[in-house]
Amino acid sequence: MYKPKEYLIHGLLFLLTLITATLAGGEWIYSRFVIGEGESALTWEYFTKSLAFSIPFIGILLVHELGHLFTSLYHKVKCSLPYFIPAWFGFIGGPSIGTFGAIIRMKGFVNSRKKFFDIGVAGPLAGFVVAVGVLWYGFVTLPPAEYIYSIHPEYADPNFAGYEEGTIDFELGKNLLFWGMGELLAEPDRMPAMSEVIHYPVLFAGYLALFFTALNLLPIGQLDGGHVVFGLFPKYHRQISIGVFSLFLAYAGVGVIQPGMALDELMIRIPLYVGFLYICYSRTDFTTQTKLTLALSLAAGQYVLAFFRPDWDGYQGWLFFAFLLGRVMGLKHPEVSGLRELDWKRKCVGWLAILIFAICFSPKPFIFS
C-alpha cells in the first residue's frame, strides 16, 4: 500500500524524533540546566540512560498514531504513515521535550460520522492504555528517596537553604489521574514532588503522554476530541467547539491585561491582545463585527476579573495552542454525507473518551517561575 520511499522517510523521522527525545530527556533528567547549573547532557552515558524516558514516551505516541492508522485502514480510508516531528533546542540552551508530536494526514474522503468517530477516538484510547501501564510501572518501581541526591547532591547538604534568587524553578502541574495513581501505587516516602518528577524518566514519560492525550481530546474543531463530540452530538458540534474554545481562551488569557499595570504598558498590550483574540476567531464563519465583539468581550471580562481577583492567573502557555487551533486548524468539523446516529457501544466509548480527557487534563501542565 505504501511505497518504499514513504517507509524510508517516515522511518527516518521516527528515528530522528527518538534521538531528539533522548537528548531532551538527558537535559531534563540528568542535567541541571533547569536550575541554571549547566551540566552537559551530551554524553554517551546520559544518552543511554535517557532511553528510559524516550522509549516509553515516543512509544506511547507511536501507539496513539497506529491506533488512527489501523482504524483508517480498517475503514478503507487512505491516510499517510505517522509523521513524527523532531524538536530539540539544546544547541541554543533552551528546554524541549524532543518532539512536537506526530500526525497522520488523511488522503481519502471520510464519508460517514461513524468512521470519523472510530478513527478519531482510536488514537487517544490506544495511547492512554499504554500510558497507564507505563505510569503503573513507574509508580511501583520508584527508587529509594535517596535517588534524588544523585541528581541534586546539594539537597543532602544540611546547610542548603534553596537556590538563589534569579534561578529558574520548574514543576509539573497535577492532573487527577497522575495524582490518583501516585496516591494508590507509590510508597509515600519514595513519591517525588512535582518539581522533581522530571528526574524520574518513566514517570516523566507517562506524564507527558497524559498531557498529549488531553490535548488531543479537547472537544474543539478537528482534534480527536472534536471527532468524538461530532460523533455524539453532530448537530451541536459547532456550538460546543466554539464554546469550549472561548472558555479555553478566556482561562488562558487571565492576567495578560491587569488594572495594576502602568498606563503606557496597557496602551500597548490591550490593542495587541484584542488583535490576537480577533485572529484566533478568524477562521470561524462569524461576521467581522461578531469576531471583534467576541475579542473585546473576552479582553474586557479578563480585565474586570483581574480587578476583583488580581491573584488569579490563567495559563498563558495555552495561548499559542489556541492560536494554532483558531487560525491554523480552524474550529469547524468536515462535512459528512450522513448523520446516522452512533450505536450504544460507540456512545459509551465516546463518553469514556470525555472522562479520560477530564482526568488527564492539567490546567497548568508546566509551571516556570
Protein backbone atom coordinates (compact mmCIF):
# COMPACT_ATOMS: atom_id res chain seq x y z
CA MET A 1 0.00 0.00 0.00
CA TYR A 2 2.84 2.39 0.80
CA LYS A 3 5.89 2.97 -1.37
CA PRO A 4 9.40 2.11 -0.10
CA LYS A 5 10.25 5.83 -0.19
CA GLU A 6 7.41 6.55 2.24
CA TYR A 7 8.61 3.89 4.68
CA LEU A 8 12.10 5.38 4.48
CA ILE A 9 11.02 8.98 5.08
CA HIS A 10 8.63 8.17 7.93
CA GLY A 11 11.09 5.73 9.48
CA LEU A 12 13.88 8.30 9.44
CA LEU A 13 11.62 10.92 11.03
CA PHE A 14 10.69 8.41 13.74
CA LEU A 15 14.37 7.58 14.47
CA LEU A 16 15.33 11.27 14.46
CA THR A 17 12.50 12.04 16.89
CA LEU A 18 13.61 9.18 19.14
CA ILE A 19 17.13 10.66 19.17
CA THR A 20 15.95 14.23 19.88
CA ALA A 21 13.62 12.98 22.64
CA THR A 22 16.54 11.07 24.17
CA LEU A 23 18.72 14.19 24.11
CA ALA A 24 15.91 16.26 25.62
CA GLY A 25 15.34 13.61 28.28
CA GLY A 26 19.01 13.75 29.22
CA GLU A 27 18.74 17.51 29.75
CA TRP A 28 15.69 17.23 31.97
CA ILE A 29 16.57 14.10 33.91
CA TYR A 30 20.33 14.15 34.35
CA SER A 31 21.43 17.68 33.51
CA ARG A 32 20.69 20.56 35.81
CA PHE A 33 20.22 23.35 33.29
CA VAL A 34 16.69 23.79 34.65
CA ILE A 35 18.13 25.47 37.72
CA GLY A 36 21.00 27.05 35.83
CA GLU A 37 23.95 24.86 36.73
CA GLY A 38 24.94 23.99 33.17
CA GLU A 39 25.99 20.34 33.34
CA SER A 40 26.01 18.94 29.80
CA ALA A 41 23.76 16.03 28.91
CA LEU A 42 25.56 15.43 25.62
CA THR A 43 27.48 12.38 26.74
CA TRP A 44 27.02 8.76 25.74
CA GLU A 45 26.28 7.80 29.35
CA TYR A 46 23.47 10.32 29.63
CA PHE A 47 22.16 9.33 26.20
CA THR A 48 21.84 5.63 27.04
CA LYS A 49 20.27 6.37 30.44
CA SER A 50 17.81 8.76 28.82
CA LEU A 51 16.41 5.97 26.65
CA ALA A 52 14.40 5.08 29.77
CA PHE A 53 12.48 8.29 29.02
CA SER A 54 12.41 8.44 25.24
CA ILE A 55 11.44 4.82 24.50
CA PRO A 56 8.20 4.83 26.58
CA PHE A 57 7.37 8.42 25.61
CA ILE A 58 7.83 8.04 21.86
CA GLY A 59 6.43 4.51 22.09
CA ILE A 60 3.16 5.86 23.50
CA LEU A 61 2.97 8.48 20.74
CA LEU A 62 3.58 5.72 18.19
CA VAL A 63 0.78 3.56 19.61
CA HIS A 64 -1.52 6.61 19.50
CA GLU A 65 -0.80 7.20 15.81
CA LEU A 66 -1.03 3.49 14.98
CA GLY A 67 -4.49 3.50 16.54
CA HIS A 68 -5.52 6.11 13.97
CA LEU A 69 -3.68 4.32 11.16
CA PHE A 70 -5.07 0.83 11.69
CA THR A 71 -8.61 2.13 12.17
CA SER A 72 -8.30 4.13 8.94
CA LEU A 73 -7.12 1.01 7.12
CA TYR A 74 -9.97 -0.99 8.64
CA HIS A 75 -12.48 1.52 7.27
CA LYS A 76 -10.60 1.67 3.93
CA VAL A 77 -9.80 5.36 4.29
CA LYS A 78 -6.49 6.35 2.71
CA CYS A 79 -4.04 8.03 5.04
CA SER A 80 -0.33 8.61 5.42
CA LEU A 81 2.03 6.82 7.75
CA PRO A 82 2.69 8.74 11.00
CA TYR A 83 4.77 11.91 10.61
CA PHE A 84 6.89 12.34 13.73
CA ILE A 85 8.09 15.91 14.28
CA PRO A 86 11.52 16.13 15.98
CA ALA A 87 12.28 19.20 18.08
CA TRP A 88 15.35 19.72 20.21
CA PHE A 89 16.71 23.11 21.28
CA GLY A 90 19.67 22.02 23.39
CA PHE A 91 22.10 23.58 20.92
CA ILE A 92 20.75 27.02 21.87
CA GLY A 93 20.34 26.20 25.54
CA GLY A 94 16.54 26.03 25.54
CA PRO A 95 14.30 23.36 27.09
CA SER A 96 12.28 20.98 24.93
CA ILE A 97 10.76 17.51 25.12
CA GLY A 98 12.30 16.36 21.86
CA THR A 99 9.19 16.46 19.68
CA PHE A 100 6.16 18.47 18.65
CA GLY A 101 4.22 15.21 18.49
CA ALA A 102 3.12 13.21 15.47
CA ILE A 103 0.34 13.44 12.91
CA ILE A 104 -1.33 11.32 10.26
CA ARG A 105 -2.60 13.02 7.11
CA MET A 106 -5.91 11.82 5.75
CA LYS A 107 -5.73 11.28 2.00
CA GLY A 108 -9.22 9.96 1.41
CA PHE A 109 -12.69 11.38 2.00
CA VAL A 110 -14.28 10.16 5.22
CA ASN A 111 -17.90 9.77 4.23
CA SER A 112 -19.58 8.85 7.50
CA ARG A 113 -19.95 10.04 11.04
CA LYS A 114 -19.13 6.54 12.34
CA LYS A 115 -15.79 6.40 10.51
CA PHE A 116 -14.77 9.86 11.75
CA PHE A 117 -15.63 8.81 15.29
CA ASP A 118 -13.77 5.49 15.11
CA ILE A 119 -10.63 6.98 13.56
CA GLY A 120 -10.62 9.94 15.95
CA VAL A 121 -11.15 8.03 19.19
CA ALA A 122 -8.89 5.05 18.42
CA GLY A 123 -5.63 7.01 18.77
CA PRO A 124 -6.09 8.54 22.23
CA LEU A 125 -7.67 5.37 23.63
CA ALA A 126 -4.76 3.21 22.43
CA GLY A 127 -2.16 5.65 23.71
CA PHE A 128 -3.99 6.08 27.01
CA VAL A 129 -3.96 2.34 27.76
CA VAL A 130 -0.20 2.16 27.22
CA ALA A 131 0.37 5.39 29.19
CA VAL A 132 -1.49 3.95 32.20
CA GLY A 133 0.69 0.84 32.01
CA VAL A 134 3.86 2.96 31.84
CA LEU A 135 2.77 5.05 34.83
CA TRP A 136 1.81 1.94 36.79
CA TYR A 137 5.30 0.55 36.25
CA GLY A 138 6.86 3.91 37.10
CA PHE A 139 5.00 4.28 40.38
CA VAL A 140 5.56 0.74 41.66
CA THR A 141 9.30 0.76 40.80
CA LEU A 142 10.23 4.14 42.24
CA PRO A 143 13.82 4.21 43.50
CA PRO A 144 14.59 4.99 47.16
CA ALA A 145 14.19 8.59 48.24
CA GLU A 146 17.99 8.97 48.28
CA TYR A 147 18.00 8.68 44.46
CA ILE A 148 17.35 12.41 44.17
CA TYR A 149 20.75 13.08 45.78
CA SER A 150 22.44 11.59 42.71
CA ILE A 151 20.82 14.34 40.67
CA HIS A 152 20.89 17.10 43.27
CA PRO A 153 23.71 16.33 45.73
CA GLU A 154 23.19 19.79 47.22
CA TYR A 155 19.91 18.57 48.75
CA ALA A 156 21.94 16.36 51.11
CA ASP A 157 23.76 19.39 52.49
CA PRO A 158 22.13 20.29 55.84
CA ASN A 159 23.08 23.92 55.20
CA PHE A 160 21.30 24.04 51.83
CA ALA A 161 18.56 26.65 52.08
CA GLY A 162 17.34 26.77 48.48
CA TYR A 163 18.61 28.31 45.29
CA GLU A 164 19.49 31.93 45.00
CA GLU A 165 17.14 34.49 43.53
CA GLY A 166 17.30 34.61 39.73
CA THR A 167 17.40 30.87 39.10
CA ILE A 168 14.55 29.18 37.22
CA ASP A 169 12.16 27.00 39.17
CA PHE A 170 10.04 24.45 37.32
CA GLU A 171 7.40 21.92 38.23
CA LEU A 172 4.70 19.86 36.58
CA GLY A 173 1.05 20.58 37.26
CA LYS A 174 -1.07 17.78 38.64
CA ASN A 175 -3.94 16.06 36.87
CA LEU A 176 -6.46 13.73 38.51
CA LEU A 177 -5.07 10.50 37.04
CA PHE A 178 -1.41 11.16 37.84
CA TRP A 179 -2.31 12.26 41.38
CA GLY A 180 -4.64 9.32 41.94
CA MET A 181 -2.18 6.70 40.68
CA GLY A 182 0.54 8.20 42.85
CA GLU A 183 -1.67 8.03 45.92
CA LEU A 184 -2.71 4.45 45.15
CA LEU A 185 0.54 2.87 43.95
CA ALA A 186 3.58 4.78 45.17
CA GLU A 187 5.26 4.32 48.53
CA PRO A 188 4.76 7.71 50.23
CA ASP A 189 8.42 8.14 51.20
CA ARG A 190 9.51 7.49 47.60
CA MET A 191 6.98 9.68 45.83
CA PRO A 192 8.79 12.70 44.33
CA ALA A 193 7.50 16.24 44.48
CA MET A 194 6.04 17.53 41.20
CA SER A 195 9.13 19.73 40.84
CA GLU A 196 11.30 16.58 40.81
CA VAL A 197 9.23 14.26 38.56
CA ILE A 198 11.35 15.37 35.58
CA HIS A 199 14.24 13.38 37.11
CA TYR A 200 12.23 10.12 37.03
CA PRO A 201 12.27 9.11 33.36
CA VAL A 202 9.35 6.66 33.30
CA LEU A 203 7.07 8.92 35.33
CA PHE A 204 8.01 11.92 33.21
CA ALA A 205 7.29 9.98 30.01
CA GLY A 206 3.91 8.89 31.36
CA TYR A 207 3.04 12.42 32.46
CA LEU A 208 3.81 13.82 29.01
CA ALA A 209 1.72 11.06 27.45
CA LEU A 210 -1.26 12.14 29.57
CA PHE A 211 -0.60 15.75 28.53
CA PHE A 212 -0.72 14.86 24.83
CA THR A 213 -3.77 12.65 25.36
CA ALA A 214 -5.69 15.52 26.99
CA LEU A 215 -4.53 17.94 24.31
CA ASN A 216 -5.84 15.68 21.55
CA LEU A 217 -9.14 15.09 23.36
CA LEU A 218 -10.04 18.77 23.67
CA PRO A 219 -13.58 18.89 22.18
CA ILE A 220 -12.62 21.52 19.62
CA GLY A 221 -12.58 21.54 15.83
CA GLN A 222 -10.82 18.63 14.15
CA LEU A 223 -8.91 17.42 17.18
CA ASP A 224 -9.63 13.84 18.23
CA GLY A 225 -11.96 15.21 20.88
CA GLY A 226 -13.71 17.22 18.18
CA HIS A 227 -14.37 14.00 16.26
CA VAL A 228 -15.76 12.45 19.44
CA VAL A 229 -18.14 15.36 20.03
CA PHE A 230 -19.17 15.31 16.36
CA GLY A 231 -19.99 11.63 16.73
CA LEU A 232 -22.03 12.14 19.89
CA PHE A 233 -23.66 15.50 19.10
CA PRO A 234 -23.38 16.18 15.34
CA LYS A 235 -26.00 18.95 15.33
CA TYR A 236 -24.27 20.82 18.16
CA HIS A 237 -20.60 20.35 17.27
CA ARG A 238 -20.22 23.94 16.09
CA GLN A 239 -21.67 25.42 19.29
CA ILE A 240 -19.68 23.07 21.54
CA SER A 241 -16.45 23.66 19.63
CA ILE A 242 -16.71 27.45 19.68
CA GLY A 243 -17.99 27.48 23.27
CA VAL A 244 -15.17 25.31 24.63
CA PHE A 245 -12.63 27.24 22.56
CA SER A 246 -13.90 30.55 24.01
CA LEU A 247 -13.68 29.18 27.57
CA PHE A 248 -10.18 27.89 26.78
CA LEU A 249 -9.13 31.36 25.57
CA ALA A 250 -10.86 33.05 28.50
CA TYR A 251 -8.93 30.94 31.02
CA ALA A 252 -5.60 31.11 29.19
CA GLY A 253 -5.55 34.90 28.96
CA VAL A 254 -6.38 35.76 32.58
CA GLY A 255 -3.61 38.09 33.73
CA VAL A 256 -2.46 39.28 30.29
CA ILE A 257 -4.00 42.70 30.96
CA GLN A 258 -4.47 43.92 34.54
CA PRO A 259 -5.53 47.20 36.17
CA GLY A 260 -2.29 47.27 38.15
CA MET A 261 -0.17 47.68 35.01
CA ALA A 262 1.25 51.05 34.02
CA LEU A 263 -0.92 53.05 31.63
CA ASP A 264 1.70 53.16 28.86
CA GLU A 265 2.07 49.37 29.09
CA LEU A 266 -1.70 48.88 28.89
CA MET A 267 -1.88 51.16 25.84
CA ILE A 268 0.39 48.70 24.05
CA ARG A 269 -0.91 45.45 25.49
CA ILE A 270 -4.65 45.98 25.04
CA PRO A 271 -4.75 46.54 21.25
CA LEU A 272 -2.19 43.79 20.66
CA TYR A 273 -4.11 41.35 22.80
CA VAL A 274 -7.51 42.21 21.30
CA GLY A 275 -5.95 41.80 17.84
CA PHE A 276 -4.60 38.40 18.87
CA LEU A 277 -8.04 37.29 20.10
CA TYR A 278 -9.60 38.51 16.85
CA ILE A 279 -7.12 36.45 14.83
CA CYS A 280 -7.97 33.38 16.93
CA TYR A 281 -11.56 33.64 15.65
CA SER A 282 -10.54 34.49 12.08
CA ARG A 283 -11.44 31.09 10.60
CA THR A 284 -14.93 30.97 12.04
CA ASP A 285 -17.94 31.90 9.90
CA PHE A 286 -18.80 34.83 12.17
CA THR A 287 -19.07 38.32 10.72
CA THR A 288 -16.22 40.75 11.28
CA GLN A 289 -18.34 42.62 13.80
CA THR A 290 -19.08 39.42 15.78
CA LYS A 291 -15.42 38.42 15.84
CA LEU A 292 -14.42 41.85 17.11
CA THR A 293 -17.21 41.79 19.70
CA LEU A 294 -16.03 38.41 20.98
CA ALA A 295 -12.43 39.61 21.19
CA LEU A 296 -13.37 42.81 23.03
CA SER A 297 -15.75 40.97 25.37
CA LEU A 298 -13.13 38.38 26.33
CA ALA A 299 -10.47 41.03 26.96
CA ALA A 300 -12.89 43.19 28.97
CA GLY A 301 -14.06 40.22 31.04
CA GLN A 302 -10.48 39.20 31.84
CA TYR A 303 -9.63 42.80 32.78
CA VAL A 304 -12.63 43.07 35.13
CA LEU A 305 -11.82 39.69 36.69
CA ALA A 306 -8.24 40.85 37.29
CA PHE A 307 -9.63 43.97 39.01
CA PHE A 308 -11.58 41.94 41.56
CA ARG A 309 -9.20 38.97 41.80
CA PRO A 310 -5.66 40.16 40.94
CA ASP A 311 -4.28 36.95 42.49
CA TRP A 312 -5.96 34.77 39.85
CA ASP A 313 -3.85 33.73 36.90
CA GLY A 314 -4.71 31.72 33.84
CA TYR A 315 -2.12 29.78 31.89
CA GLN A 316 -0.69 31.91 29.11
CA GLY A 317 1.16 28.91 27.72
CA TRP A 318 -2.19 27.82 26.24
CA LEU A 319 -2.45 30.99 24.12
CA PHE A 320 -0.09 29.67 21.43
CA PHE A 321 -2.07 26.44 21.17
CA ALA A 322 -5.29 28.46 20.99
CA PHE A 323 -3.78 30.42 18.10
CA LEU A 324 -2.95 27.18 16.27
CA LEU A 325 -6.47 25.88 16.82
CA GLY A 326 -8.27 29.07 15.82
CA ARG A 327 -6.09 30.38 13.00
CA VAL A 328 -4.35 27.32 11.55
CA MET A 329 -6.60 24.30 12.14
CA GLY A 330 -9.96 26.02 12.43
CA LEU A 331 -12.90 25.23 14.68
CA LYS A 332 -15.15 23.54 12.11
CA HIS A 333 -15.60 19.83 11.52
CA PRO A 334 -15.52 18.43 7.97
CA GLU A 335 -18.88 17.68 6.44
CA VAL A 336 -20.08 14.11 6.05
CA SER A 337 -22.75 12.66 3.80
CA GLY A 338 -25.00 11.48 6.63
CA LEU A 339 -25.68 11.98 10.32
CA ARG A 340 -26.68 8.45 11.22
CA GLU A 341 -26.79 8.01 14.99
CA LEU A 342 -23.99 6.05 16.64
CA ASP A 343 -24.81 2.70 18.23
CA TRP A 344 -24.84 2.48 22.03
CA LYS A 345 -21.39 0.87 22.20
CA ARG A 346 -19.79 3.79 20.38
CA LYS A 347 -21.69 6.24 22.56
CA CYS A 348 -20.22 4.55 25.65
CA VAL A 349 -16.74 4.79 24.13
CA GLY A 350 -17.35 8.48 23.38
CA TRP A 351 -18.31 9.25 26.96
CA LEU A 352 -15.30 7.23 28.13
CA ALA A 353 -13.08 9.46 25.97
CA ILE A 354 -14.63 12.56 27.59
CA LEU A 355 -13.91 11.06 31.03
CA ILE A 356 -10.31 10.32 30.01
CA PHE A 357 -9.91 13.95 28.95
CA ALA A 358 -11.22 15.12 32.32
CA ILE A 359 -8.80 13.01 34.36
CA CYS A 360 -5.77 13.69 32.13
CA PHE A 361 -6.15 17.45 31.66
CA SER A 362 -3.99 19.74 33.77
CA PRO A 363 -4.95 23.46 33.75
CA LYS A 364 -1.28 24.38 34.29
CA PRO A 365 0.83 21.49 32.96
CA PHE A 366 4.27 23.18 33.03
CA ILE A 367 4.93 25.87 35.63
CA PHE A 368 8.01 28.09 35.38
CA SER A 369 8.79 30.69 38.00
